Amino acid sequence: MRELTEAEIEAVWGGAASVDPENWPAFMETESGVRLTARQVQCLAWVAAGKTTPTIATILELSPASVDTYVAAACRRLGVQSRTEAACLATKAALLKP
């Protein structure tokens, strides 16, 4: 799955474009309408599994700074203060499989 640009994501959400089913996970949404990108969900899944930022970075072939950025963005979108809260909320919203 290739990473979608923010413009592509907004075009799909606005109804101006469609998305290849291969890329649909980039549009994870909670019942309250909070949208997370596929990378944010991937990072939170590893947080929920108890992995550290450096370990997640290695697994996903990202820099630790990128992992922190994805997790921080997910926290902002979910309205929580910590990565643990974000992982719990995402699990509860069925964005992550326990």
C-alpha atoms as a PDB file:
ATOM      1  CA  MET A   1       0.000   0.000   0.000  1.00  0.00           C
ATOM      2  CA  ARG A   2       1.462   3.355  -0.960  1.00  0.00           C
ATOM      3  CA  GLU A   3       1.171   6.328   1.362  1.00  0.00           C
ATOM      4  CA  LEU A   4      -1.514   8.789   0.221  1.00  0.00           C
ATOM      5  CA  THR A   5      -0.893  12.525   0.229  1.00  0.00           C
ATOM      6  CA  GLU A   6      -3.002  14.826   2.386  1.00  0.00           C
ATOM      7  CA  ALA A   7      -4.483  16.307  -0.828  1.00  0.00           C
ATOM      8  CA  GLU A   8      -5.554  12.841  -2.002  1.00  0.00           C
ATOM      9  CA  ILE A   9      -7.125  12.081   1.362  1.00  0.00           C
ATOM     10  CA  GLU A  10      -9.052  15.368   1.363  1.00  0.00           C
ATOM     11  CA  ALA A  11     -10.208  14.781  -2.229  1.00  0.00           C
ATOM     12  CA  VAL A  12     -11.655  11.412  -1.298  1.00  0.00           C
ATOM     13  CA  TRP A  13     -13.335  12.710   1.856  1.00  0.00           C
ATOM     14  CA  GLY A  14     -14.754  15.615  -0.123  1.00  0.00           C
ATOM     15  CA  GLY A  15     -16.206  13.251  -2.713  1.00  0.00           C
ATOM     16  CA  ALA A  16     -14.067  14.583  -5.550  1.00  0.00           C
ATOM     17  CA  ALA A  17     -12.139  11.340  -5.986  1.00  0.00           C
ATOM     18  CA  SER A  18     -12.341   7.668  -5.214  1.00  0.00           C
ATOM     19  CA  VAL A  19      -9.737   5.467  -3.628  1.00  0.00           C
ATOM     20  CA  ASP A  20      -8.345   2.146  -4.741  1.00  0.00           C
ATOM     21  CA  PRO A  21      -9.541  -0.538  -2.302  1.00  0.00           C
ATOM     22  CA  GLU A  22      -5.902  -1.396  -1.659  1.00  0.00           C
ATOM     23  CA  ASN A  23      -5.502   2.017  -0.028  1.00  0.00           C
ATOM     24  CA  TRP A  24      -8.766   2.183   1.946  1.00  0.00           C
ATOM     25  CA  PRO A  25      -7.065   1.637   5.324  1.00  0.00           C
ATOM     26  CA  ALA A  26      -5.742   5.186   5.011  1.00  0.00           C
ATOM     27  CA  PHE A  27      -9.247   6.264   5.995  1.00  0.00           C
ATOM     28  CA  MET A  28      -9.815   4.772   9.438  1.00  0.00           C
ATOM     29  CA  GLU A  29     -12.613   6.607  11.193  1.00  0.00           C
ATOM     30  CA  THR A  30     -14.068   6.366  14.689  1.00  0.00           C
ATOM     31  CA  GLU A  31     -17.800   6.500  15.383  1.00  0.00           C
ATOM     32  CA  SER A  32     -17.366  10.129  16.419  1.00  0.00           C
ATOM     33  CA  GLY A  33     -15.902  10.928  12.993  1.00  0.00           C
ATOM     34  CA  VAL A  34     -12.218  11.162  13.951  1.00  0.00           C
ATOM     35  CA  ARG A  35     -10.086  10.124  10.982  1.00  0.00           C
ATOM     36  CA  LEU A  36      -6.688   8.498  11.347  1.00  0.00           C
ATOM     37  CA  THR A  37      -4.256   7.678   8.572  1.00  0.00           C
ATOM     38  CA  ALA A  38      -3.034   4.151   7.989  1.00  0.00           C
ATOM     39  CA  ARG A  39       0.396   5.088   9.391  1.00  0.00           C
ATOM     40  CA  GLN A  40      -1.162   6.555  12.534  1.00  0.00           C
ATOM     41  CA  VAL A  41      -3.148   3.351  13.018  1.00  0.00           C
ATOM     42  CA  GLN A  42      -0.057   1.206  12.388  1.00  0.00           C
ATOM     43  CA  CYS A  43       1.958   3.155  14.950  1.00  0.00           C
ATOM     44  CA  LEU A  44      -0.844   2.988  17.525  1.00  0.00           C
ATOM     45  CA  ALA A  45      -1.182  -0.750  16.970  1.00  0.00           C
ATOM     46  CA  TRP A  46       2.465  -1.210  17.894  1.00  0.00           C
ATOM     47  CA  VAL A  47       2.085   1.158  20.867  1.00  0.00           C
ATOM     48  CA  ALA A  48      -0.841  -0.988  22.017  1.00  0.00           C
ATOM     49  CA  ALA A  49       1.423  -4.032  21.678  1.00  0.00           C
ATOM     50  CA  GLY A  50       3.859  -2.394  24.102  1.00  0.00           C
ATOM     51  CA  LYS A  51       6.571  -1.502  21.590  1.00  0.00           C
ATOM     52  CA  THR A  52       8.879   1.479  22.085  1.00  0.00           C
ATOM     53  CA  THR A  53       9.357   4.236  19.534  1.00  0.00           C
ATOM     54  CA  PRO A  54      12.756   2.911  18.350  1.00  0.00           C
ATOM     55  CA  THR A  55      11.307  -0.591  17.956  1.00  0.00           C
ATOM     56  CA  ILE A  56       8.278   0.702  16.035  1.00  0.00           C
ATOM     57  CA  ALA A  57      10.620   2.722  13.813  1.00  0.00           C
ATOM     58  CA  THR A  58      12.607  -0.404  13.004  1.00  0.00           C
ATOM     59  CA  ILE A  59       9.494  -2.487  12.323  1.00  0.00           C
ATOM     60  CA  LEU A  60       7.907   0.116  10.034  1.00  0.00           C
ATOM     61  CA  GLU A  61      11.217   1.233   8.503  1.00  0.00           C
ATOM     62  CA  LEU A  62      10.715   4.824   9.658  1.00  0.00           C
ATOM     63  CA  SER A  63      12.795   7.192  11.734  1.00  0.00           C
ATOM     64  CA  PRO A  64      11.941   7.435  15.437  1.00  0.00           C
ATOM     65  CA  ALA A  65      11.020  11.090  14.822  1.00  0.00           C
ATOM     66  CA  SER A  66       8.479  10.025  12.179  1.00  0.00           C
ATOM     67  CA  VAL A  67       6.933   7.504  14.570  1.00  0.00           C
ATOM     68  CA  ASP A  68       6.651  10.195  17.243  1.00  0.00           C
ATOM     69  CA  THR A  69       5.058  12.543  14.693  1.00  0.00           C
ATOM     70  CA  TYR A  70       2.446   9.948  13.657  1.00  0.00           C
ATOM     71  CA  VAL A  71       1.629   9.109  17.275  1.00  0.00           C
ATOM     72  CA  ALA A  72       1.418  12.794  18.260  1.00  0.00           C
ATOM     73  CA  ALA A  73      -0.899  13.510  15.317  1.00  0.00           C
ATOM     74  CA  ALA A  74      -3.113  10.580  16.317  1.00  0.00           C
ATOM     75  CA  CYS A  75      -3.211  11.893  19.898  1.00  0.00           C
ATOM     76  CA  ARG A  76      -4.285  15.345  18.687  1.00  0.00           C
ATOM     77  CA  ARG A  77      -7.003  13.908  16.429  1.00  0.00           C
ATOM     78  CA  LEU A  78      -8.286  11.633  19.205  1.00  0.00           C
ATOM     79  CA  GLY A  79      -8.137  14.441  21.786  1.00  0.00           C
ATOM     80  CA  VAL A  80      -5.896  12.602  24.244  1.00  0.00           C
ATOM     81  CA  GLN A  81      -2.671  13.483  26.031  1.00  0.00           C
ATOM     82  CA  SER A  82      -0.664  10.267  25.872  1.00  0.00           C
ATOM     83  CA  ARG A  83       0.213   7.498  23.460  1.00  0.00           C
ATOM     84  CA  THR A  84      -1.267   4.969  25.875  1.00  0.00           C
ATOM     85  CA  GLU A  85      -4.599   6.818  25.906  1.00  0.00           C
ATOM     86  CA  ALA A  86      -4.527   6.999  22.108  1.00  0.00           C
ATOM     87  CA  ALA A  87      -3.879   3.268  21.770  1.00  0.00           C
ATOM     88  CA  CYS A  88      -6.655   2.453  24.262  1.00  0.00           C
ATOM     89  CA  LEU A  89      -9.152   4.775  22.580  1.00  0.00           C
ATOM     90  CA  ALA A  90      -8.283   3.482  19.107  1.00  0.00           C
ATOM     91  CA  THR A  91      -8.707  -0.095  20.340  1.00  0.00           C
ATOM     92  CA  LYS A  92     -12.045   0.769  21.941  1.00  0.00           C
ATOM     93  CA  ALA A  93     -13.185   2.438  18.702  1.00  0.00           C
ATOM     94  CA  ALA A  94     -12.292  -0.790  16.848  1.00  0.00           C
ATOM     95  CA  LEU A  95      -9.562   0.887  14.793  1.00  0.00           C
ATOM     96  CA  LEU A  96      -7.111  -1.577  16.317  1.00  0.00           C
ATOM     97  CA  LYS A  97      -7.643  -5.247  16.917  1.00  0.00           C
ATOM     98  CA  PRO A  98      -6.715  -6.179  20.511  1.00  0.00           C
END
